[in-house]
C-alpha atoms as a PDB file:
ATOM      1  CA  MET A   1      -0.077   0.086  -0.035  1.00  0.00           C
ATOM      2  CA  ARG A   2       2.976   2.390   0.608  1.00  0.00           C
ATOM      3  CA  ASP A   3       3.739   2.291  -3.234  1.00  0.00           C
ATOM      4  CA  LEU A   4      -0.113   3.271  -3.896  1.00  0.00           C
ATOM      5  CA  PHE A   5       0.077   6.220  -1.398  1.00  0.00           C
ATOM      6  CA  ARG A   6       3.467   7.324  -3.066  1.00  0.00           C
ATOM      7  CA  GLY A   7       1.790   7.410  -6.602  1.00  0.00           C
ATOM      8  CA  LEU A   8      -1.112   9.401  -5.108  1.00  0.00           C
ATOM      9  CA  ARG A   9       0.733  11.729  -3.528  1.00  0.00           C
ATOM     10  CA  SER A  10       3.213  12.548  -6.538  1.00  0.00           C
ATOM     11  CA  ILE A  11       0.728  14.910  -7.895  1.00  0.00           C
ATOM     12  CA  GLY A  12       0.897  17.108  -4.846  1.00  0.00           C
ATOM     13  CA  THR A  13       4.645  16.823  -4.812  1.00  0.00           C
ATOM     14  CA  ALA A  14       4.629  18.013  -8.383  1.00  0.00           C
ATOM     15  CA  ILE A  15       2.703  20.883  -7.870  1.00  0.00           C
ATOM     16  CA  GLY A  16       4.921  21.938  -4.894  1.00  0.00           C
ATOM     17  CA  MET A  17       7.944  21.283  -7.380  1.00  0.00           C
ATOM     18  CA  ILE A  18       6.458  23.800  -9.839  1.00  0.00           C
ATOM     19  CA  VAL A  19       5.607  26.509  -7.366  1.00  0.00           C
ATOM     20  CA  ARG A  20       8.918  26.307  -5.776  1.00  0.00           C
ATOM     21  CA  GLU A  21      11.525  25.842  -8.542  1.00  0.00           C
ATOM     22  CA  PRO A  22      11.713  28.782 -10.812  1.00  0.00           C
ATOM     23  CA  ARG A  23      13.163  26.856 -13.781  1.00  0.00           C
ATOM     24  CA  VAL A  24      10.491  24.276 -13.652  1.00  0.00           C
ATOM     25  CA  ARG A  25       7.732  26.831 -13.429  1.00  0.00           C
ATOM     26  CA  ARG A  26       8.920  28.653 -16.186  1.00  0.00           C
ATOM     27  CA  LEU A  27       9.191  25.609 -18.487  1.00  0.00           C
ATOM     28  CA  ALA A  28       5.459  24.765 -17.226  1.00  0.00           C
ATOM     29  CA  ILE A  29       3.919  27.621 -18.672  1.00  0.00           C
ATOM     30  CA  ALA A  30       3.856  26.809 -22.363  1.00  0.00           C
ATOM     31  CA  PRO A  31       2.211  23.099 -21.772  1.00  0.00           C
ATOM     32  CA  LEU A  32       0.033  24.960 -19.084  1.00  0.00           C
ATOM     33  CA  ALA A  33      -1.352  27.278 -22.104  1.00  0.00           C
ATOM     34  CA  ILE A  34      -1.943  24.094 -24.474  1.00  0.00           C
ATOM     35  CA  ASN A  35      -3.612  22.254 -21.660  1.00  0.00           C
ATOM     36  CA  ILE A  36      -6.003  25.152 -20.793  1.00  0.00           C
ATOM     37  CA  VAL A  37      -6.965  25.520 -24.588  1.00  0.00           C
ATOM     38  CA  LEU A  38      -7.491  21.750 -24.873  1.00  0.00           C
ATOM     39  CA  VAL A  39      -9.965  21.561 -21.809  1.00  0.00           C
ATOM     40  CA  LEU A  40     -11.862  24.662 -22.485  1.00  0.00           C
ATOM     41  CA  VAL A  41     -12.425  23.775 -26.330  1.00  0.00           C
ATOM     42  CA  GLY A  42     -12.331  19.979 -26.323  1.00  0.00           C
ATOM     43  CA  LEU A  43     -14.008  18.732 -23.140  1.00  0.00           C
ATOM     44  CA  PRO A  44     -17.224  20.535 -23.597  1.00  0.00           C
ATOM     45  CA  LEU A  45     -17.610  19.064 -26.906  1.00  0.00           C
ATOM     46  CA  LEU A  46     -16.680  15.452 -25.805  1.00  0.00           C
ATOM     47  CA  ILE A  47     -19.381  15.896 -23.126  1.00  0.00           C
ATOM     48  CA  TRP A  48     -22.017  17.058 -25.588  1.00  0.00           C
ATOM     49  CA  TRP A  49     -20.823  13.886 -27.988  1.00  0.00           C
ATOM     50  CA  GLY A  50     -20.898  11.492 -25.107  1.00  0.00           C
ATOM     51  CA  VAL A  51     -24.565  12.648 -24.037  1.00  0.00           C
ATOM     52  CA  SER A  52     -25.718  12.501 -27.575  1.00  0.00           C
ATOM     53  CA  ILE A  53     -24.567   8.731 -28.168  1.00  0.00           C
ATOM     54  CA  GLY A  54     -26.126   7.864 -24.681  1.00  0.00           C
ATOM     55  CA  GLY A  55     -29.358   9.492 -25.607  1.00  0.00           C
ATOM     56  CA  SER A  56     -29.763   7.905 -28.956  1.00  0.00           C
ATOM     57  CA  LEU A  57     -29.564   4.175 -27.638  1.00  0.00           C
ATOM     58  CA  PHE A  58     -32.813   2.303 -27.361  1.00  0.00           C
ATOM     59  CA  THR A  59     -35.402   4.561 -29.111  1.00  0.00           C
ATOM     60  CA  GLY A  60     -38.170   2.284 -28.929  1.00  0.00           C
ATOM     61  CA  ASP A  61     -41.255   2.834 -26.893  1.00  0.00           C
ATOM     62  CA  GLU A  62     -41.422  -0.449 -25.042  1.00  0.00           C
ATOM     63  CA  ALA A  63     -42.143  -0.260 -21.288  1.00  0.00           C
ATOM     64  CA  TRP A  64     -38.453  -1.386 -20.609  1.00  0.00           C
ATOM     65  CA  ALA A  65     -36.830   0.696 -23.239  1.00  0.00           C
ATOM     66  CA  GLY A  66     -37.137   4.150 -21.041  1.00  0.00           C
ATOM     67  CA  PRO A  67     -35.231   2.697 -17.933  1.00  0.00           C
ATOM     68  CA  LEU A  68     -32.532   0.909 -19.954  1.00  0.00           C
ATOM     69  CA  ARG A  69     -32.120   3.837 -22.145  1.00  0.00           C
ATOM     70  CA  LEU A  70     -31.565   6.094 -19.124  1.00  0.00           C
ATOM     71  CA  VAL A  71     -28.914   3.491 -17.315  1.00  0.00           C
ATOM     72  CA  VAL A  72     -26.933   2.563 -20.614  1.00  0.00           C
ATOM     73  CA  GLY A  73     -27.252   6.051 -22.133  1.00  0.00           C
ATOM     74  CA  ALA A  74     -25.670   7.526 -18.882  1.00  0.00           C
ATOM     75  CA  VAL A  75     -22.688   4.567 -18.817  1.00  0.00           C
ATOM     76  CA  VAL A  76     -22.121   5.185 -22.571  1.00  0.00           C
ATOM     77  CA  ALA A  77     -21.801   9.089 -21.830  1.00  0.00           C
ATOM     78  CA  ILE A  78     -19.693   8.765 -19.170  1.00  0.00           C
ATOM     79  CA  VAL A  79     -17.224   6.148 -20.747  1.00  0.00           C
ATOM     80  CA  VAL A  80     -17.104   8.262 -23.918  1.00  0.00           C
ATOM     81  CA  SER A  81     -16.431  11.377 -22.403  1.00  0.00           C
ATOM     82  CA  ILE A  82     -13.587   9.928 -20.059  1.00  0.00           C
ATOM     83  CA  VAL A  83     -12.125   8.118 -23.029  1.00  0.00           C
ATOM     84  CA  GLY A  84     -12.306  10.939 -25.451  1.00  0.00           C
ATOM     85  CA  LEU A  85     -10.716  13.249 -22.993  1.00  0.00           C
ATOM     86  CA  LEU A  86      -7.811  10.859 -22.415  1.00  0.00           C
ATOM     87  CA  ALA A  87      -7.395  10.850 -26.153  1.00  0.00           C
ATOM     88  CA  LEU A  88      -7.308  14.549 -26.405  1.00  0.00           C
ATOM     89  CA  LEU A  89      -4.702  14.420 -23.562  1.00  0.00           C
ATOM     90  CA  VAL A  90      -2.551  12.055 -25.493  1.00  0.00           C
ATOM     91  CA  LEU A  91      -2.765  14.238 -28.486  1.00  0.00           C
ATOM     92  CA  ALA A  92      -1.855  17.201 -26.452  1.00  0.00           C
ATOM     93  CA  ARG A  93       1.180  15.345 -25.143  1.00  0.00           C
ATOM     94  CA  ILE A  94       2.257  14.276 -28.583  1.00  0.00           C
ATOM     95  CA  ALA A  95       1.957  18.215 -29.642  1.00  0.00           C
ATOM     96  CA  ALA A  96       3.922  19.304 -26.644  1.00  0.00           C
ATOM     97  CA  ALA A  97       6.654  16.546 -26.801  1.00  0.00           C
ATOM     98  CA  PRO A  98       9.608  18.941 -26.943  1.00  0.00           C
ATOM     99  CA  LEU A  99       8.347  21.112 -24.091  1.00  0.00           C
ATOM    100  CA  MET A 100       7.295  18.204 -21.996  1.00  0.00           C
ATOM    101  CA  SER A 101      10.830  16.606 -22.259  1.00  0.00           C
ATOM    102  CA  ARG A 102      12.506  19.988 -21.358  1.00  0.00           C
ATOM    103  CA  LEU A 103      10.104  20.258 -18.235  1.00  0.00           C
ATOM    104  CA  SER A 104      10.826  16.476 -17.425  1.00  0.00           C
ATOM    105  CA  GLU A 105      14.556  17.242 -17.586  1.00  0.00           C
ATOM    106  CA  ALA A 106      14.240  20.323 -15.269  1.00  0.00           C
ATOM    107  CA  VAL A 107      12.317  18.299 -12.838  1.00  0.00           C
ATOM    108  CA  GLU A 108      14.970  15.605 -12.926  1.00  0.00           C
ATOM    109  CA  GLN A 109      17.801  18.160 -12.195  1.00  0.00           C
ATOM    110  CA  ALA A 110      15.801  19.457  -9.220  1.00  0.00           C
ATOM    111  CA  VAL A 111      15.289  16.140  -7.821  1.00  0.00           C
ATOM    112  CA  LEU A 112      19.056  14.729  -8.255  1.00  0.00           C
ATOM    113  CA  GLY A 113      20.916  18.115  -7.735  1.00  0.00           C
ATOM    114  CA  ASP A 114      24.515  17.620  -8.137  1.00  0.00           C
ATOM    115  CA  ARG A 115      24.055  14.090  -9.446  1.00  0.00           C
ATOM    116  CA  TYR A 116      22.260  15.168 -12.570  1.00  0.00           C
ATOM    117  CA  VAL A 117      23.992  14.554 -16.044  1.00  0.00           C
ATOM    118  CA  PRO A 118      22.561  17.327 -18.653  1.00  0.00           C
ATOM    119  CA  ARG A 119      21.613  16.200 -21.990  1.00  0.00           C
ATOM    120  CA  GLN A 120      22.618  18.031 -25.126  1.00  0.00           C
ATOM    121  CA  THR A 121      19.577  18.884 -27.326  1.00  0.00           C
ATOM    122  CA  THR A 122      19.466  20.001 -31.067  1.00  0.00           C
ATOM    123  CA  LEU A 123      16.297  20.928 -33.261  1.00  0.00           C
ATOM    124  CA  ARG A 124      16.716  17.176 -34.534  1.00  0.00           C
ATOM    125  CA  ASP A 125      16.471  15.861 -31.487  1.00  0.00           C
ATOM    126  CA  ASP A 126      13.199  17.949 -30.752  1.00  0.00           C
ATOM    127  CA  VAL A 127      11.705  16.764 -34.203  1.00  0.00           C
ATOM    128  CA  ALA A 128      12.640  13.236 -33.131  1.00  0.00           C
ATOM    129  CA  ASP A 129      10.731  13.749 -29.811  1.00  0.00           C
ATOM    130  CA  VAL A 130       7.671  14.249 -31.787  1.00  0.00           C
ATOM    131  CA  GLY A 131       8.242  11.447 -34.016  1.00  0.00           C
ATOM    132  CA  ARG A 132       8.728   8.816 -31.094  1.00  0.00           C
ATOM    133  CA  GLY A 133       5.646  10.370 -29.412  1.00  0.00           C
ATOM    134  CA  ALA A 134       3.622   9.422 -32.740  1.00  0.00           C
ATOM    135  CA  MET A 135       4.882   6.246 -32.822  1.00  0.00           C
ATOM    136  CA  PHE A 136       4.347   5.663 -29.061  1.00  0.00           C
ATOM    137  CA  ALA A 137       0.737   6.862 -29.699  1.00  0.00           C
ATOM    138  CA  LEU A 138       0.201   4.203 -32.259  1.00  0.00           C
ATOM    139  CA  GLY A 139       0.918   1.466 -29.546  1.00  0.00           C
ATOM    140  CA  ARG A 140      -1.323   3.049 -27.396  1.00  0.00           C
ATOM    141  CA  LEU A 141      -4.111   3.426 -30.183  1.00  0.00           C
ATOM    142  CA  LEU A 142      -3.752  -0.546 -30.625  1.00  0.00           C
ATOM    143  CA  LEU A 143      -4.189  -1.094 -26.926  1.00  0.00           C
ATOM    144  CA  PHE A 144      -7.217   1.315 -27.211  1.00  0.00           C
ATOM    145  CA  LEU A 145      -8.556  -0.905 -30.051  1.00  0.00           C
ATOM    146  CA  VAL A 146      -8.284  -3.985 -27.882  1.00  0.00           C
ATOM    147  CA  LEU A 147      -9.501  -2.699 -24.624  1.00  0.00           C
ATOM    148  CA  TYR A 148     -12.340  -0.313 -25.544  1.00  0.00           C
ATOM    149  CA  PRO A 149     -14.629  -2.527 -26.939  1.00  0.00           C
ATOM    150  CA  LEU A 150     -14.518  -4.628 -23.959  1.00  0.00           C
ATOM    151  CA  ILE A 151     -15.096  -1.881 -21.579  1.00  0.00           C
ATOM    152  CA  LEU A 152     -18.442  -0.937 -23.658  1.00  0.00           C
ATOM    153  CA  VAL A 153     -19.561  -4.580 -23.509  1.00  0.00           C
ATOM    154  CA  THR A 154     -19.091  -4.819 -19.967  1.00  0.00           C
ATOM    155  CA  GLY A 155     -21.365  -1.760 -19.580  1.00  0.00           C
ATOM    156  CA  LEU A 156     -24.163  -4.001 -20.928  1.00  0.00           C
ATOM    157  CA  ILE A 157     -23.942  -6.726 -18.017  1.00  0.00           C
ATOM    158  CA  PRO A 158     -27.249  -6.617 -16.320  1.00  0.00           C
ATOM    159  CA  ALA A 159     -27.202  -5.082 -12.830  1.00  0.00           C
ATOM    160  CA  VAL A 160     -23.087  -4.980 -12.320  1.00  0.00           C
ATOM    161  CA  GLY A 161     -22.462  -2.849 -15.738  1.00  0.00           C
ATOM    162  CA  PRO A 162     -23.234   0.376 -14.661  1.00  0.00           C
ATOM    163  CA  ILE A 163     -20.596  -0.007 -11.949  1.00  0.00           C
ATOM    164  CA  LEU A 164     -17.938  -2.089 -13.890  1.00  0.00           C
ATOM    165  CA  ALA A 165     -17.850   0.159 -17.081  1.00  0.00           C
ATOM    166  CA  PRO A 166     -16.651   3.561 -15.381  1.00  0.00           C
ATOM    167  CA  LEU A 167     -14.609   1.498 -12.775  1.00  0.00           C
ATOM    168  CA  ALA A 168     -12.880  -0.377 -16.018  1.00  0.00           C
ATOM    169  CA  THR A 169     -12.500   3.232 -17.764  1.00  0.00           C
ATOM    170  CA  VAL A 170     -10.735   4.560 -14.758  1.00  0.00           C
ATOM    171  CA  LEU A 171      -8.329   1.597 -14.640  1.00  0.00           C
ATOM    172  CA  TYR A 172      -7.652   1.725 -18.417  1.00  0.00           C
ATOM    173  CA  GLY A 173      -7.091   5.616 -18.042  1.00  0.00           C
ATOM    174  CA  ALA A 174      -4.800   5.176 -15.215  1.00  0.00           C
ATOM    175  CA  LEU A 175      -2.506   2.680 -17.476  1.00  0.00           C
ATOM    176  CA  VAL A 176      -2.740   4.989 -20.490  1.00  0.00           C
ATOM    177  CA  LEU A 177      -1.956   8.180 -18.489  1.00  0.00           C
ATOM    178  CA  SER A 178       0.701   6.562 -16.530  1.00  0.00           C
ATOM    179  CA  LEU A 179       2.601   5.391 -19.858  1.00  0.00           C
ATOM    180  CA  ASP A 180       1.804   8.680 -21.603  1.00  0.00           C
ATOM    181  CA  PHE A 181       2.964  11.195 -19.069  1.00  0.00           C
ATOM    182  CA  SER A 182       5.813   8.955 -18.107  1.00  0.00           C
ATOM    183  CA  GLU A 183       7.173   9.038 -21.876  1.00  0.00           C
ATOM    184  CA  PRO A 184       9.425  12.034 -21.521  1.00  0.00           C
ATOM    185  CA  ILE A 185      11.570  10.255 -18.656  1.00  0.00           C
ATOM    186  CA  PHE A 186      10.960   6.988 -20.188  1.00  0.00           C
ATOM    187  CA  GLU A 187      12.605   8.348 -23.420  1.00  0.00           C
ATOM    188  CA  ARG A 188      15.732   9.161 -21.661  1.00  0.00           C
ATOM    189  CA  HIS A 189      16.148   6.104 -19.306  1.00  0.00           C
ATOM    190  CA  LEU A 190      13.921   3.534 -20.574  1.00  0.00           C
ATOM    191  CA  PRO A 191      13.729   3.123 -24.234  1.00  0.00           C
ATOM    192  CA  GLY A 192      11.342   0.425 -25.795  1.00  0.00           C
ATOM    193  CA  PHE A 193       7.542   0.125 -25.528  1.00  0.00           C
ATOM    194  CA  ARG A 194       7.845  -3.369 -24.027  1.00  0.00           C
ATOM    195  CA  ARG A 195      10.230  -2.120 -21.500  1.00  0.00           C
ATOM    196  CA  ARG A 196       8.254   0.699 -20.501  1.00  0.00           C
ATOM    197  CA  LEU A 197       4.845  -1.464 -20.362  1.00  0.00           C
ATOM    198  CA  ARG A 198       6.892  -3.974 -18.062  1.00  0.00           C
ATOM    199  CA  HIS A 199       8.047  -1.302 -15.852  1.00  0.00           C
ATOM    200  CA  VAL A 200       4.599  -0.165 -15.282  1.00  0.00           C
ATOM    201  CA  THR A 201       2.861  -3.324 -14.910  1.00  0.00           C
ATOM    202  CA  SER A 202       5.457  -4.660 -12.627  1.00  0.00           C
ATOM    203  CA  ARG A 203       4.745  -1.697 -10.017  1.00  0.00           C
ATOM    204  CA  PRO A 204       0.772  -2.009 -10.200  1.00  0.00           C
ATOM    205  CA  LEU A 205       0.017  -0.063  -6.921  1.00  0.00           C
ATOM    206  CA  LEU A 206       2.603   2.595  -7.688  1.00  0.00           C
ATOM    207  CA  TYR A 207       1.329   3.313 -11.206  1.00  0.00           C
ATOM    208  CA  LEU A 208      -2.222   2.827 -10.135  1.00  0.00           C
ATOM    209  CA  GLY A 209      -2.104   5.518  -7.630  1.00  0.00           C
ATOM    210  CA  PHE A 210      -0.308   7.814  -9.849  1.00  0.00           C
ATOM    211  CA  GLY A 211      -2.429   7.048 -13.041  1.00  0.00           C
ATOM    212  CA  GLY A 212      -5.726   7.124 -10.776  1.00  0.00           C
ATOM    213  CA  ALA A 213      -4.624  10.411  -9.589  1.00  0.00           C
ATOM    214  CA  SER A 214      -4.214  11.761 -12.969  1.00  0.00           C
ATOM    215  CA  VAL A 215      -7.458  10.692 -14.246  1.00  0.00           C
ATOM    216  CA  ALA A 216      -9.036  12.107 -11.229  1.00  0.00           C
ATOM    217  CA  MET A 217      -7.372  15.642 -11.791  1.00  0.00           C
ATOM    218  CA  ALA A 218      -8.182  15.262 -15.482  1.00  0.00           C
ATOM    219  CA  LEU A 219     -11.919  14.993 -14.546  1.00  0.00           C
ATOM    220  CA  ILE A 220     -11.997  17.885 -11.807  1.00  0.00           C
ATOM    221  CA  PRO A 221     -13.092  21.039 -13.301  1.00  0.00           C
ATOM    222  CA  PHE A 222     -10.562  23.800 -13.058  1.00  0.00           C
ATOM    223  CA  ALA A 223      -7.918  21.304 -11.576  1.00  0.00           C
ATOM    224  CA  ASN A 224      -8.029  19.909 -15.251  1.00  0.00           C
ATOM    225  CA  LEU A 225      -6.567  23.022 -16.621  1.00  0.00           C
ATOM    226  CA  ALA A 226      -2.875  21.978 -15.414  1.00  0.00           C
ATOM    227  CA  VAL A 227      -3.108  18.283 -15.679  1.00  0.00           C
ATOM    228  CA  LEU A 228      -0.736  18.199 -18.680  1.00  0.00           C
ATOM    229  CA  PRO A 229       2.328  20.018 -16.872  1.00  0.00           C
ATOM    230  CA  VAL A 230       1.591  18.654 -13.352  1.00  0.00           C
ATOM    231  CA  CYS A 231       1.428  14.956 -14.453  1.00  0.00           C
ATOM    232  CA  VAL A 232       4.490  15.025 -16.578  1.00  0.00           C
ATOM    233  CA  ALA A 233       6.313  16.422 -13.506  1.00  0.00           C
ATOM    234  CA  ALA A 234       4.833  13.966 -11.067  1.00  0.00           C
ATOM    235  CA  ALA A 235       5.793  11.007 -13.377  1.00  0.00           C
ATOM    236  CA  THR A 236       9.146  12.140 -13.407  1.00  0.00           C
ATOM    237  CA  ILE A 237       9.206  12.188  -9.932  1.00  0.00           C
ATOM    238  CA  VAL A 238       7.594   8.735  -9.511  1.00  0.00           C
ATOM    239  CA  PHE A 239      10.180   7.000 -11.990  1.00  0.00           C
ATOM    240  CA  LEU A 240      13.226   8.642 -10.294  1.00  0.00           C
ATOM    241  CA  GLY A 241      12.080   7.313  -6.894  1.00  0.00           C
ATOM    242  CA  GLU A 242      12.418   3.765  -8.291  1.00  0.00           C
ATOM    243  CA  ARG A 243      16.041   4.428  -9.441  1.00  0.00           C
ATOM    244  CA  PRO A 244      18.986   3.628  -6.985  1.00  0.00           C
ATOM    245  CA  ASP A 245      20.256   7.365  -7.736  1.00  0.00           C
ATOM    246  CA  GLY A 246      16.782   8.754  -7.076  1.00  0.00           C
ATOM    247  CA  GLN A 247      15.459   9.908  -3.698  1.00  0.00           C
ATOM    248  CA  GLN A 248      12.076   9.240  -2.262  1.00  0.00           C
ATOM    249  CA  LEU A 249      10.200  12.584  -2.127  1.00  0.00           C
END
């Protein structure tokens, strides 16, 4: 359980670091602006889309259609809205890949202090960051195509479906956001999608805590305006806490 609470606590630690460290705070401004535009424009559209899809189900006049339409429609609306928001965050992370890499490096420097070894980057490295981010997103897309239909089917299970589907969505979101927000620090220290996936799944409580806190932050009004820089910083802190030369925060 210690790992679970450490993962949950990483969000607060990251916020404190952004407030406290001038360089980290400065590098968080640009992704914060991207994040604000994403949430203010994309989130209302996703909620409207999810509600529209949910309301279009079971349009018959049968006596059972009304209650079933209400329950299933609500589940579909919640699942579509959450998964759509996660997809928007993934796209924003890809677009802001070079910015996120610099922010993650600044957090690493703040954590490691004198033990930090700087990495020299060029414009070519920044372009490569975007390309690798796109390839990594392709892997997540395949994961989505496998898991998302199963989540929707879970929502149709009588009695327990309305509970299981949102829960499965949150667990899926925790996995996706753990991988996505950790990508900048993984890129420097843990190359290869399989190695990253194995690293995350071998520490289920740690990344369930971090990923679950990230999903919660993404869904909380106003807090979700800062989810992109805060969660990238938190993912860096989580990873460094697992390294022999890291320190627990």
